[in-house]
């Protein structure tokens, strides 16, 4: 049953943005910061889907939101250096995958009524990149 529920949530999250009947203008809105991004997601997803999201763990939500993350990265210009990307760059986040993960994590926490803990999220990705850089330097060293 849990597998079915996970597949259902994944499928629903993948297509929710495109099936709500929102105007093209609403879907074209490109947020300039994290608050606007979370508010935009709250607008374009219906209440029943939001309830389903809050019924699963944060980890399950994030692991089943790949398509929504791709949509965010592509539609909100995270690969193209648009406003939202520049907002994250100013926070020290440069990878669009990390940006969309922070957006989705913050969205989930907003729906659950939790603190977004943005500073912790940012530090996690900065530390991750620093660790990857150190590991690459060790592998390259003679």
Protein backbone atom coordinates (compact mmCIF):
# COMPACT_ATOMS: atom_id res chain seq x y z
CA UNK A 1 0.00 0.00 0.00
CA UNK A 2 2.84 2.39 0.85
CA UNK A 3 4.43 1.76 -2.56
CA UNK A 4 1.14 2.58 -4.27
CA UNK A 5 0.80 5.79 -2.25
CA UNK A 6 4.37 6.82 -3.09
CA UNK A 7 3.82 6.19 -6.80
CA UNK A 8 0.53 8.08 -6.67
CA UNK A 9 2.14 11.09 -4.98
CA UNK A 10 5.03 11.05 -7.46
CA UNK A 11 2.66 10.95 -10.44
CA UNK A 12 0.43 13.64 -8.97
CA UNK A 13 3.34 15.96 -8.20
CA UNK A 14 4.68 15.46 -11.69
CA UNK A 15 1.57 16.72 -13.40
CA UNK A 16 -0.12 18.97 -10.86
CA UNK A 17 1.21 22.22 -12.24
CA UNK A 18 -0.12 21.49 -15.70
CA UNK A 19 -3.58 20.27 -14.72
CA UNK A 20 -4.94 23.03 -12.50
CA UNK A 21 -6.41 25.24 -15.21
CA UNK A 22 -4.29 28.23 -14.28
CA UNK A 23 -3.85 30.91 -16.87
CA UNK A 24 -0.65 31.02 -18.83
CA UNK A 25 0.06 34.36 -17.17
CA UNK A 26 -0.10 32.77 -13.70
CA UNK A 27 2.18 29.92 -14.76
CA UNK A 28 4.61 32.33 -16.43
CA UNK A 29 5.12 34.38 -13.25
CA UNK A 30 8.77 34.08 -12.29
CA UNK A 31 9.41 34.61 -8.58
CA UNK A 32 12.26 36.90 -7.57
CA UNK A 33 12.93 35.34 -4.15
CA UNK A 34 12.16 32.32 -1.99
CA UNK A 35 9.04 33.80 -0.41
CA UNK A 36 7.55 34.49 -3.84
CA UNK A 37 8.52 30.99 -5.02
CA UNK A 38 6.78 29.29 -2.10
CA UNK A 39 3.71 31.51 -2.55
CA UNK A 40 3.60 30.68 -6.26
CA UNK A 41 3.67 26.95 -5.52
CA UNK A 42 0.89 27.40 -2.95
CA UNK A 43 -1.17 29.17 -5.63
CA UNK A 44 -0.75 26.62 -8.39
CA UNK A 45 -1.35 23.48 -6.33
CA UNK A 46 -4.84 22.63 -5.14
CA UNK A 47 -5.79 21.98 -1.52
CA UNK A 48 -6.24 18.22 -1.90
CA UNK A 49 -2.70 17.86 -3.24
CA UNK A 50 -1.35 20.04 -0.44
CA UNK A 51 -3.08 17.72 2.05
CA UNK A 52 -1.48 14.69 0.41
CA UNK A 53 1.92 16.38 0.55
CA UNK A 54 1.57 17.09 4.27
CA UNK A 55 0.60 13.48 4.92
CA UNK A 56 4.03 12.20 3.84
CA UNK A 57 7.48 12.82 5.25
CA UNK A 58 9.71 15.61 3.99
CA UNK A 59 12.12 13.02 2.67
CA UNK A 60 9.38 11.22 0.71
CA UNK A 61 8.11 14.52 -0.67
CA UNK A 62 11.55 15.57 -1.86
CA UNK A 63 12.37 12.17 -3.36
CA UNK A 64 9.06 12.17 -5.25
CA UNK A 65 9.25 15.74 -6.56
CA UNK A 66 11.81 15.31 -9.32
CA UNK A 67 9.45 16.49 -12.09
CA UNK A 68 8.32 19.50 -10.07
CA UNK A 69 11.97 20.37 -9.40
CA UNK A 70 12.71 20.19 -13.13
CA UNK A 71 9.70 22.39 -13.85
CA UNK A 72 10.92 24.94 -11.28
CA UNK A 73 14.46 24.98 -12.69
CA UNK A 74 13.28 25.35 -16.27
CA UNK A 75 10.26 27.64 -15.92
CA UNK A 76 11.74 29.97 -13.31
CA UNK A 77 15.04 30.38 -15.15
CA UNK A 78 17.38 28.87 -12.59
CA UNK A 79 19.67 27.61 -15.37
CA UNK A 80 19.57 30.97 -17.15
CA UNK A 81 20.55 33.34 -14.37
CA UNK A 82 17.12 34.96 -13.96
CA UNK A 83 16.03 36.94 -10.87
CA UNK A 84 15.43 33.92 -8.65
CA UNK A 85 18.81 32.48 -9.57
CA UNK A 86 20.51 35.77 -8.72
CA UNK A 87 18.68 35.83 -5.39
CA UNK A 88 20.15 32.41 -4.53
CA UNK A 89 23.59 33.41 -5.83
CA UNK A 90 23.57 36.29 -3.33
CA UNK A 91 22.95 33.67 -0.60
CA UNK A 92 25.93 31.58 -1.77
CA UNK A 93 23.90 28.97 -3.69
CA UNK A 94 24.96 28.55 -7.33
CA UNK A 95 23.66 25.16 -8.45
CA UNK A 96 20.07 25.19 -9.82
CA UNK A 97 19.43 21.70 -8.39
CA UNK A 98 20.27 23.03 -4.93
CA UNK A 99 18.07 26.07 -5.50
CA UNK A 100 15.05 23.96 -6.44
CA UNK A 101 15.69 21.66 -3.47
CA UNK A 102 15.66 24.64 -1.12
CA UNK A 103 12.43 25.88 -2.72
CA UNK A 104 10.76 22.48 -2.39
CA UNK A 105 11.99 21.98 1.19
CA UNK A 106 10.75 25.43 2.16
CA UNK A 107 7.42 24.79 0.44
CA UNK A 108 6.94 21.52 2.29
CA UNK A 109 7.81 23.14 5.61
CA UNK A 110 5.45 26.02 4.88
CA UNK A 111 2.60 23.59 4.27
CA UNK A 112 3.45 21.80 7.53
CA UNK A 113 3.62 25.10 9.45
CA UNK A 114 7.30 24.58 10.22
CA UNK A 115 10.21 27.01 10.27
CA UNK A 116 11.97 26.88 6.90
CA UNK A 117 15.40 26.96 8.60
CA UNK A 118 16.80 28.64 5.50
CA UNK A 119 20.20 29.30 7.06
CA UNK A 120 20.60 25.57 7.75
CA UNK A 121 19.52 24.65 4.24
CA UNK A 122 22.01 27.09 2.71
CA UNK A 123 24.82 25.89 4.96
CA UNK A 124 24.08 22.26 4.05
CA UNK A 125 24.60 22.94 0.32
CA UNK A 126 27.64 25.17 0.86
CA UNK A 127 29.22 22.46 3.03
CA UNK A 128 28.34 19.82 0.46
CA UNK A 129 30.05 21.74 -2.34
CA UNK A 130 33.09 22.47 -0.17
CA UNK A 131 33.39 18.76 0.68
CA UNK A 132 33.09 17.80 -2.98
CA UNK A 133 35.78 20.34 -3.88
CA UNK A 134 38.13 19.01 -1.19
CA UNK A 135 37.53 15.43 -2.30
CA UNK A 136 38.26 16.35 -5.92
CA UNK A 137 41.48 18.13 -4.90
CA UNK A 138 42.63 15.04 -2.98
CA UNK A 139 41.87 12.78 -5.95
CA UNK A 140 43.83 15.05 -8.30
CA UNK A 141 46.85 15.47 -6.01
CA UNK A 142 49.87 13.33 -7.01
